[in-house]
Amino acid sequence: MPEPISESRLGMAASAQPDARMRADEMLAAMLYPSGADLAELQQGGSHLDRLLAAQQADVNGLVAEFKQARKPLQHSRG
């Protein structure tokens, strides 16, 4: 199973400050971090998903590898 989000990352994500990603002096995106309630809801959904995957005995690493393989052609075509 994937590792849970660390407390320090949750704290950063709960910050009210917008986050701007920059590359070559060009703003790519700006977003507000989710609220504490949003994060709690995401964690609850993640826990529910973990239980569903465990109940189905899903190979999470295999699913991730399959997803990455399926996305690979899309990433190269964006050039």
PDB file of N, CA and C in Angstrom:
ATOM      1  N   MET A   1       0.837  -1.191   0.000  1.00  0.00           N
ATOM      2  CA  MET A   1       0.000   0.000   0.000  1.00  0.00           C
ATOM      3  C   MET A   1       0.879   1.250   0.000  1.00  0.00           C
ATOM      4  N   PRO A   2       0.453   2.311  -0.620  1.00  0.00           N
ATOM      5  CA  PRO A   2       1.202   3.565  -0.610  1.00  0.00           C
ATOM      6  C   PRO A   2       1.297   4.129   0.803  1.00  0.00           C
ATOM      7  N   GLU A   3       2.355   4.887   1.037  1.00  0.00           N
ATOM      8  CA  GLU A   3       2.527   5.496   2.345  1.00  0.00           C
ATOM      9  C   GLU A   3       1.533   6.632   2.515  1.00  0.00           C
ATOM     10  N   PRO A   4       1.040   6.827   3.762  1.00  0.00           N
ATOM     11  CA  PRO A   4       0.136   7.955   4.000  1.00  0.00           C
ATOM     12  C   PRO A   4       0.884   9.282   3.863  1.00  0.00           C
ATOM     13  N   ILE A   5       0.129  10.338   3.667  1.00  0.00           N
ATOM     14  CA  ILE A   5       0.721  11.671   3.560  1.00  0.00           C
ATOM     15  C   ILE A   5       1.282  12.069   4.916  1.00  0.00           C
ATOM     16  N   SER A   6       2.509  12.582   4.937  1.00  0.00           N
ATOM     17  CA  SER A   6       3.132  12.968   6.194  1.00  0.00           C
ATOM     18  C   SER A   6       2.446  14.188   6.783  1.00  0.00           C
ATOM     19  N   GLU A   7       2.574  14.348   8.097  1.00  0.00           N
ATOM     20  CA  GLU A   7       1.958  15.480   8.786  1.00  0.00           C
ATOM     21  C   GLU A   7       2.491  16.807   8.267  1.00  0.00           C
ATOM     22  N   SER A   8       3.789  16.878   7.966  1.00  0.00           N
ATOM     23  CA  SER A   8       4.351  18.136   7.488  1.00  0.00           C
ATOM     24  C   SER A   8       3.764  18.514   6.130  1.00  0.00           C
ATOM     25  N   ARG A   9       3.537  17.525   5.269  1.00  0.00           N
ATOM     26  CA  ARG A   9       2.935  17.814   3.961  1.00  0.00           C
ATOM     27  C   ARG A   9       1.478  18.213   4.108  1.00  0.00           C
ATOM     28  N   LEU A  10       0.786  17.599   5.073  1.00  0.00           N
ATOM     29  CA  LEU A  10      -0.599  17.995   5.318  1.00  0.00           C
ATOM     30  C   LEU A  10      -0.643  19.436   5.808  1.00  0.00           C
ATOM     31  N   GLY A  11       0.309  19.814   6.657  1.00  0.00           N
ATOM     32  CA  GLY A  11       0.365  21.180   7.164  1.00  0.00           C
ATOM     33  C   GLY A  11       0.601  22.168   6.041  1.00  0.00           C
ATOM     34  N   MET A  12       1.511  21.823   5.127  1.00  0.00           N
ATOM     35  CA  MET A  12       1.765  22.694   3.981  1.00  0.00           C
ATOM     36  C   MET A  12       0.509  22.814   3.125  1.00  0.00           C
ATOM     37  N   ALA A  13      -0.165  21.696   2.930  1.00  0.00           N
ATOM     38  CA  ALA A  13      -1.344  21.701   2.082  1.00  0.00           C
ATOM     39  C   ALA A  13      -2.495  22.488   2.711  1.00  0.00           C
ATOM     40  N   ALA A  14      -2.524  22.558   4.042  1.00  0.00           N
ATOM     41  CA  ALA A  14      -3.604  23.272   4.718  1.00  0.00           C
ATOM     42  C   ALA A  14      -3.349  24.774   4.783  1.00  0.00           C
ATOM     43  N   SER A  15      -2.183  25.209   4.340  1.00  0.00           N
ATOM     44  CA  SER A  15      -1.863  26.628   4.344  1.00  0.00           C
ATOM     45  C   SER A  15      -2.844  27.386   3.463  1.00  0.00           C
ATOM     46  N   ALA A  16      -3.174  28.603   3.866  1.00  0.00           N
ATOM     47  CA  ALA A  16      -4.118  29.405   3.092  1.00  0.00           C
ATOM     48  C   ALA A  16      -3.439  30.142   1.940  1.00  0.00           C
ATOM     49  N   GLN A  17      -2.126  30.075   1.863  1.00  0.00           N
ATOM     50  CA  GLN A  17      -1.393  30.800   0.823  1.00  0.00           C
ATOM     51  C   GLN A  17      -1.495  30.065  -0.509  1.00  0.00           C
ATOM     52  N   PRO A  18      -1.724  30.792  -1.588  1.00  0.00           N
ATOM     53  CA  PRO A  18      -1.736  30.141  -2.901  1.00  0.00           C
ATOM     54  C   PRO A  18      -0.333  29.675  -3.280  1.00  0.00           C
ATOM     55  N   ASP A  19      -0.271  28.690  -4.105  1.00  0.00           N
ATOM     56  CA  ASP A  19       0.992  28.132  -4.556  1.00  0.00           C
ATOM     57  C   ASP A  19       1.101  28.376  -6.051  1.00  0.00           C
ATOM     58  N   ALA A  20       2.172  29.035  -6.461  1.00  0.00           N
ATOM     59  CA  ALA A  20       2.381  29.278  -7.892  1.00  0.00           C
ATOM     60  C   ALA A  20       3.586  28.470  -8.348  1.00  0.00           C
ATOM     61  N   ARG A  21       3.416  27.720  -9.406  1.00  0.00           N
ATOM     62  CA  ARG A  21       4.517  26.939  -9.981  1.00  0.00           C
ATOM     63  C   ARG A  21       5.111  27.750 -11.118  1.00  0.00           C
ATOM     64  N   MET A  22       6.422  27.954 -11.071  1.00  0.00           N
ATOM     65  CA  MET A  22       7.064  28.805 -12.065  1.00  0.00           C
ATOM     66  C   MET A  22       8.105  28.003 -12.848  1.00  0.00           C
ATOM     67  N   ARG A  23       8.225  28.346 -14.130  1.00  0.00           N
ATOM     68  CA  ARG A  23       9.279  27.783 -14.957  1.00  0.00           C
ATOM     69  C   ARG A  23       9.610  28.828 -16.011  1.00  0.00           C
ATOM     70  N   ALA A  24      10.869  29.164 -16.104  1.00  0.00           N
ATOM     71  CA  ALA A  24      11.345  30.122 -17.106  1.00  0.00           C
ATOM     72  C   ALA A  24      10.534  31.416 -17.067  1.00  0.00           C
ATOM     73  N   ASP A  25      10.333  31.956 -15.869  1.00  0.00           N
ATOM     74  CA  ASP A  25       9.626  33.223 -15.657  1.00  0.00           C
ATOM     75  C   ASP A  25       8.190  33.226 -16.175  1.00  0.00           C
ATOM     76  N   GLU A  26       7.584  32.086 -16.250  1.00  0.00           N
ATOM     77  CA  GLU A  26       6.207  32.010 -16.719  1.00  0.00           C
ATOM     78  C   GLU A  26       5.377  31.258 -15.692  1.00  0.00           C
ATOM     79  N   MET A  27       4.266  31.833 -15.266  1.00  0.00           N
ATOM     80  CA  MET A  27       3.421  31.149 -14.300  1.00  0.00           C
ATOM     81  C   MET A  27       2.655  30.039 -15.012  1.00  0.00           C
ATOM     82  N   LEU A  28       2.797  28.828 -14.497  1.00  0.00           N
ATOM     83  CA  LEU A  28       2.103  27.693 -15.096  1.00  0.00           C
ATOM     84  C   LEU A  28       0.731  27.494 -14.470  1.00  0.00           C
ATOM     85  N   ALA A  29       0.654  27.663 -13.136  1.00  0.00           N
ATOM     86  CA  ALA A  29      -0.619  27.460 -12.453  1.00  0.00           C
ATOM     87  C   ALA A  29      -0.552  28.094 -11.078  1.00  0.00           C
ATOM     88  N   ALA A  30      -1.674  28.523 -10.593  1.00  0.00           N
ATOM     89  CA  ALA A  30      -1.792  29.025  -9.236  1.00  0.00           C
ATOM     90  C   ALA A  30      -3.025  28.384  -8.630  1.00  0.00           C
ATOM     91  N   MET A  31      -2.889  27.913  -7.410  1.00  0.00           N
ATOM     92  CA  MET A  31      -4.020  27.252  -6.772  1.00  0.00           C
ATOM     93  C   MET A  31      -4.018  27.524  -5.289  1.00  0.00           C
ATOM     94  N   LEU A  32      -5.165  27.504  -4.703  1.00  0.00           N
ATOM     95  CA  LEU A  32      -5.272  27.600  -3.255  1.00  0.00           C
ATOM     96  C   LEU A  32      -5.172  26.199  -2.686  1.00  0.00           C
ATOM     97  N   TYR A  33      -4.523  26.092  -1.548  1.00  0.00           N
ATOM     98  CA  TYR A  33      -4.430  24.794  -0.895  1.00  0.00           C
ATOM     99  C   TYR A  33      -5.798  24.407  -0.341  1.00  0.00           C
ATOM    100  N   PRO A  34      -6.066  23.104  -0.245  1.00  0.00           N
ATOM    101  CA  PRO A  34      -7.349  22.664   0.299  1.00  0.00           C
ATOM    102  C   PRO A  34      -7.461  23.001   1.783  1.00  0.00           C
ATOM    103  N   SER A  35      -8.681  23.128   2.265  1.00  0.00           N
ATOM    104  CA  SER A  35      -8.915  23.425   3.679  1.00  0.00           C
ATOM    105  C   SER A  35      -8.665  22.167   4.514  1.00  0.00           C
ATOM    106  N   GLY A  36      -8.638  22.349   5.813  1.00  0.00           N
ATOM    107  CA  GLY A  36      -8.486  21.200   6.721  1.00  0.00           C
ATOM    108  C   GLY A  36      -9.609  20.205   6.545  1.00  0.00           C
ATOM    109  N   ALA A  37     -10.827  20.711   6.319  1.00  0.00           N
ATOM    110  CA  ALA A  37     -11.968  19.819   6.100  1.00  0.00           C
ATOM    111  C   ALA A  37     -11.801  19.036   4.800  1.00  0.00           C
ATOM    112  N   ASP A  38     -11.301  19.707   3.765  1.00  0.00           N
ATOM    113  CA  ASP A  38     -11.046  19.019   2.496  1.00  0.00           C
ATOM    114  C   ASP A  38     -10.025  17.904   2.689  1.00  0.00           C
ATOM    115  N   LEU A  39      -8.961  18.203   3.440  1.00  0.00           N
ATOM    116  CA  LEU A  39      -7.924  17.197   3.666  1.00  0.00           C
ATOM    117  C   LEU A  39      -8.456  16.014   4.458  1.00  0.00           C
ATOM    118  N   ALA A  40      -9.291  16.293   5.467  1.00  0.00           N
ATOM    119  CA  ALA A  40      -9.881  15.207   6.254  1.00  0.00           C
ATOM    120  C   ALA A  40     -10.747  14.318   5.370  1.00  0.00           C
ATOM    121  N   GLU A  41     -11.503  14.943   4.471  1.00  0.00           N
ATOM    122  CA  GLU A  41     -12.349  14.180   3.555  1.00  0.00           C
ATOM    123  C   GLU A  41     -11.505  13.345   2.589  1.00  0.00           C
ATOM    124  N   LEU A  42     -10.403  13.921   2.107  1.00  0.00           N
ATOM    125  CA  LEU A  42      -9.503  13.171   1.220  1.00  0.00           C
ATOM    126  C   LEU A  42      -8.875  11.991   1.947  1.00  0.00           C
ATOM    127  N   GLN A  43      -8.469  12.209   3.198  1.00  0.00           N
ATOM    128  CA  GLN A  43      -7.890  11.111   3.973  1.00  0.00           C
ATOM    129  C   GLN A  43      -8.910  10.010   4.205  1.00  0.00           C
ATOM    130  N   GLN A  44     -10.146  10.392   4.489  1.00  0.00           N
ATOM    131  CA  GLN A  44     -11.204   9.409   4.692  1.00  0.00           C
ATOM    132  C   GLN A  44     -11.437   8.611   3.406  1.00  0.00           C
ATOM    133  N   GLY A  45     -11.467   9.305   2.278  1.00  0.00           N
ATOM    134  CA  GLY A  45     -11.634   8.620   0.994  1.00  0.00           C
ATOM    135  C   GLY A  45     -10.469   7.691   0.694  1.00  0.00           C
ATOM    136  N   GLY A  46      -9.250   8.144   1.031  1.00  0.00           N
ATOM    137  CA  GLY A  46      -8.068   7.306   0.832  1.00  0.00           C
ATOM    138  C   GLY A  46      -8.112   6.050   1.678  1.00  0.00           C
ATOM    139  N   SER A  47      -8.554   6.197   2.925  1.00  0.00           N
ATOM    140  CA  SER A  47      -8.676   5.032   3.816  1.00  0.00           C
ATOM    141  C   SER A  47      -9.720   4.061   3.278  1.00  0.00           C
ATOM    142  N   HIS A  48     -10.811   4.601   2.768  1.00  0.00           N
ATOM    143  CA  HIS A  48     -11.862   3.752   2.194  1.00  0.00           C
ATOM    144  C   HIS A  48     -11.321   3.002   0.970  1.00  0.00           C
ATOM    145  N   LEU A  49     -10.580   3.719   0.127  1.00  0.00           N
ATOM    146  CA  LEU A  49      -9.986   3.083  -1.050  1.00  0.00           C
ATOM    147  C   LEU A  49      -9.000   1.991  -0.638  1.00  0.00           C
ATOM    148  N   ASP A  50      -8.185   2.255   0.386  1.00  0.00           N
ATOM    149  CA  ASP A  50      -7.248   1.239   0.876  1.00  0.00           C
ATOM    150  C   ASP A  50      -7.991  -0.023   1.315  1.00  0.00           C
ATOM    151  N   ARG A  51      -9.120   0.156   2.018  1.00  0.00           N
ATOM    152  CA  ARG A  51      -9.895  -1.009   2.468  1.00  0.00           C
ATOM    153  C   ARG A  51     -10.475  -1.770   1.274  1.00  0.00           C
ATOM    154  N   LEU A  52     -10.978  -1.044   0.272  1.00  0.00           N
ATOM    155  CA  LEU A  52     -11.523  -1.706  -0.923  1.00  0.00           C
ATOM    156  C   LEU A  52     -10.448  -2.493  -1.668  1.00  0.00           C
ATOM    157  N   LEU A  53      -9.272  -1.884  -1.823  1.00  0.00           N
ATOM    158  CA  LEU A  53      -8.175  -2.567  -2.515  1.00  0.00           C
ATOM    159  C   LEU A  53      -7.731  -3.810  -1.749  1.00  0.00           C
ATOM    160  N   ALA A  54      -7.660  -3.694  -0.414  1.00  0.00           N
ATOM    161  CA  ALA A  54      -7.265  -4.844   0.401  1.00  0.00           C
ATOM    162  C   ALA A  54      -8.309  -5.954   0.306  1.00  0.00           C
ATOM    163  N   ALA A  55      -9.595  -5.591   0.324  1.00  0.00           N
ATOM    164  CA  ALA A  55     -10.660  -6.591   0.242  1.00  0.00           C
ATOM    165  C   ALA A  55     -10.623  -7.334  -1.089  1.00  0.00           C
ATOM    166  N   GLN A  56     -10.215  -6.644  -2.146  1.00  0.00           N
ATOM    167  CA  GLN A  56     -10.131  -7.256  -3.475  1.00  0.00           C
ATOM    168  C   GLN A  56      -8.762  -7.896  -3.716  1.00  0.00           C
ATOM    169  N   GLN A  57      -7.876  -7.784  -2.732  1.00  0.00           N
ATOM    170  CA  GLN A  57      -6.504  -8.286  -2.839  1.00  0.00           C
ATOM    171  C   GLN A  57      -5.837  -7.760  -4.107  1.00  0.00           C
ATOM    172  N   ALA A  58      -6.038  -6.479  -4.341  1.00  0.00           N
ATOM    173  CA  ALA A  58      -5.492  -5.835  -5.538  1.00  0.00           C
ATOM    174  C   ALA A  58      -3.985  -5.657  -5.415  1.00  0.00           C
ATOM    175  N   ASP A  59      -3.291  -5.839  -6.514  1.00  0.00           N
ATOM    176  CA  ASP A  59      -1.852  -5.603  -6.587  1.00  0.00           C
ATOM    177  C   ASP A  59      -1.650  -4.119  -6.915  1.00  0.00           C
ATOM    178  N   VAL A  60      -1.501  -3.294  -5.873  1.00  0.00           N
ATOM    179  CA  VAL A  60      -1.415  -1.848  -6.057  1.00  0.00           C
ATOM    180  C   VAL A  60      -0.203  -1.483  -6.908  1.00  0.00           C
ATOM    181  N   ASN A  61       0.944  -2.094  -6.652  1.00  0.00           N
ATOM    182  CA  ASN A  61       2.135  -1.792  -7.447  1.00  0.00           C
ATOM    183  C   ASN A  61       1.925  -2.164  -8.912  1.00  0.00           C
ATOM    184  N   GLY A  62       1.221  -3.258  -9.150  1.00  0.00           N
ATOM    185  CA  GLY A  62       0.907  -3.653 -10.516  1.00  0.00           C
ATOM    186  C   GLY A  62      -0.026  -2.657 -11.191  1.00  0.00           C
ATOM    187  N   LEU A  63      -1.011  -2.160 -10.435  1.00  0.00           N
ATOM    188  CA  LEU A  63      -1.923  -1.154 -10.980  1.00  0.00           C
ATOM    189  C   LEU A  63      -1.185   0.134 -11.324  1.00  0.00           C
ATOM    190  N   VAL A  64      -0.258   0.544 -10.460  1.00  0.00           N
ATOM    191  CA  VAL A  64       0.520   1.757 -10.713  1.00  0.00           C
ATOM    192  C   VAL A  64       1.385   1.571 -11.953  1.00  0.00           C
ATOM    193  N   ALA A  65       2.032   0.416 -12.063  1.00  0.00           N
ATOM    194  CA  ALA A  65       2.880   0.142 -13.224  1.00  0.00           C
ATOM    195  C   ALA A  65       2.048   0.136 -14.509  1.00  0.00           C
ATOM    196  N   GLU A  66       0.866  -0.456 -14.446  1.00  0.00           N
ATOM    197  CA  GLU A  66      -0.017  -0.492 -15.614  1.00  0.00           C
ATOM    198  C   GLU A  66      -0.453   0.921 -16.008  1.00  0.00           C
ATOM    199  N   PHE A  67      -0.771   1.746 -15.030  1.00  0.00           N
ATOM    200  CA  PHE A  67      -1.166   3.124 -15.294  1.00  0.00           C
ATOM    201  C   PHE A  67      -0.023   3.903 -15.937  1.00  0.00           C
ATOM    202  N   LYS A  68       1.184   3.749 -15.381  1.00  0.00           N
ATOM    203  CA  LYS A  68       2.340   4.461 -15.938  1.00  0.00           C
ATOM    204  C   LYS A  68       2.607   4.023 -17.373  1.00  0.00           C
ATOM    205  N   GLN A  69       2.477   2.751 -17.635  1.00  0.00           N
ATOM    206  CA  GLN A  69       2.700   2.234 -18.991  1.00  0.00           C
ATOM    207  C   GLN A  69       1.657   2.798 -19.957  1.00  0.00           C
ATOM    208  N   ALA A  70       0.419   2.876 -19.508  1.00  0.00           N
ATOM    209  CA  ALA A  70      -0.645   3.406 -20.366  1.00  0.00           C
ATOM    210  C   ALA A  70      -0.458   4.895 -20.617  1.00  0.00           C
ATOM    211  N   ARG A  71       0.110   5.634 -19.657  1.00  0.00           N
ATOM    212  CA  ARG A  71       0.313   7.071 -19.803  1.00  0.00           C
ATOM    213  C   ARG A  71       1.561   7.425 -20.605  1.00  0.00           C
ATOM    214  N   LYS A  72       2.495   6.501 -20.694  1.00  0.00           N
ATOM    215  CA  LYS A  72       3.782   6.785 -21.358  1.00  0.00           C
ATOM    216  C   LYS A  72       3.608   7.324 -22.773  1.00  0.00           C
ATOM    217  N   PRO A  73       2.799   6.713 -23.636  1.00  0.00           N
ATOM    218  CA  PRO A  73       2.650   7.261 -24.997  1.00  0.00           C
ATOM    219  C   PRO A  73       2.048   8.661 -24.992  1.00  0.00           C
ATOM    220  N   LEU A  74       1.172   8.972 -24.049  1.00  0.00           N
ATOM    221  CA  LEU A  74       0.564  10.295 -23.981  1.00  0.00           C
ATOM    222  C   LEU A  74       1.584  11.352 -23.592  1.00  0.00           C
ATOM    223  N   GLN A  75       2.497  11.023 -22.688  1.00  0.00           N
ATOM    224  CA  GLN A  75       3.494  11.977 -22.235  1.00  0.00           C
ATOM    225  C   GLN A  75       4.468  12.327 -23.350  1.00  0.00           C
ATOM    226  N   HIS A  76       4.822  11.369 -24.180  1.00  0.00           N
ATOM    227  CA  HIS A  76       5.768  11.619 -25.257  1.00  0.00           C
ATOM    228  C   HIS A  76       5.131  12.383 -26.405  1.00  0.00           C
ATOM    229  N   SER A  77       3.821  12.313 -26.539  1.00  0.00           N
ATOM    230  CA  SER A  77       3.169  12.988 -27.674  1.00  0.00           C
ATOM    231  C   SER A  77       2.905  14.458 -27.393  1.00  0.00           C
ATOM    232  N   ARG A  78       3.123  14.924 -26.170  1.00  0.00           N
ATOM    233  CA  ARG A  78       2.835  16.324 -25.831  1.00  0.00           C
ATOM    234  C   ARG A  78       3.907  17.280 -26.295  1.00  0.00           C
ATOM    235  N   GLY A  79       5.127  16.835 -26.487  1.00  0.00           N
ATOM    236  CA  GLY A  79       6.251  17.610 -26.953  1.00  0.00           C
ATOM    237  C   GLY A  79       6.152  19.026 -26.908  1.00  0.00           C
TER     238      GLY A  79
END
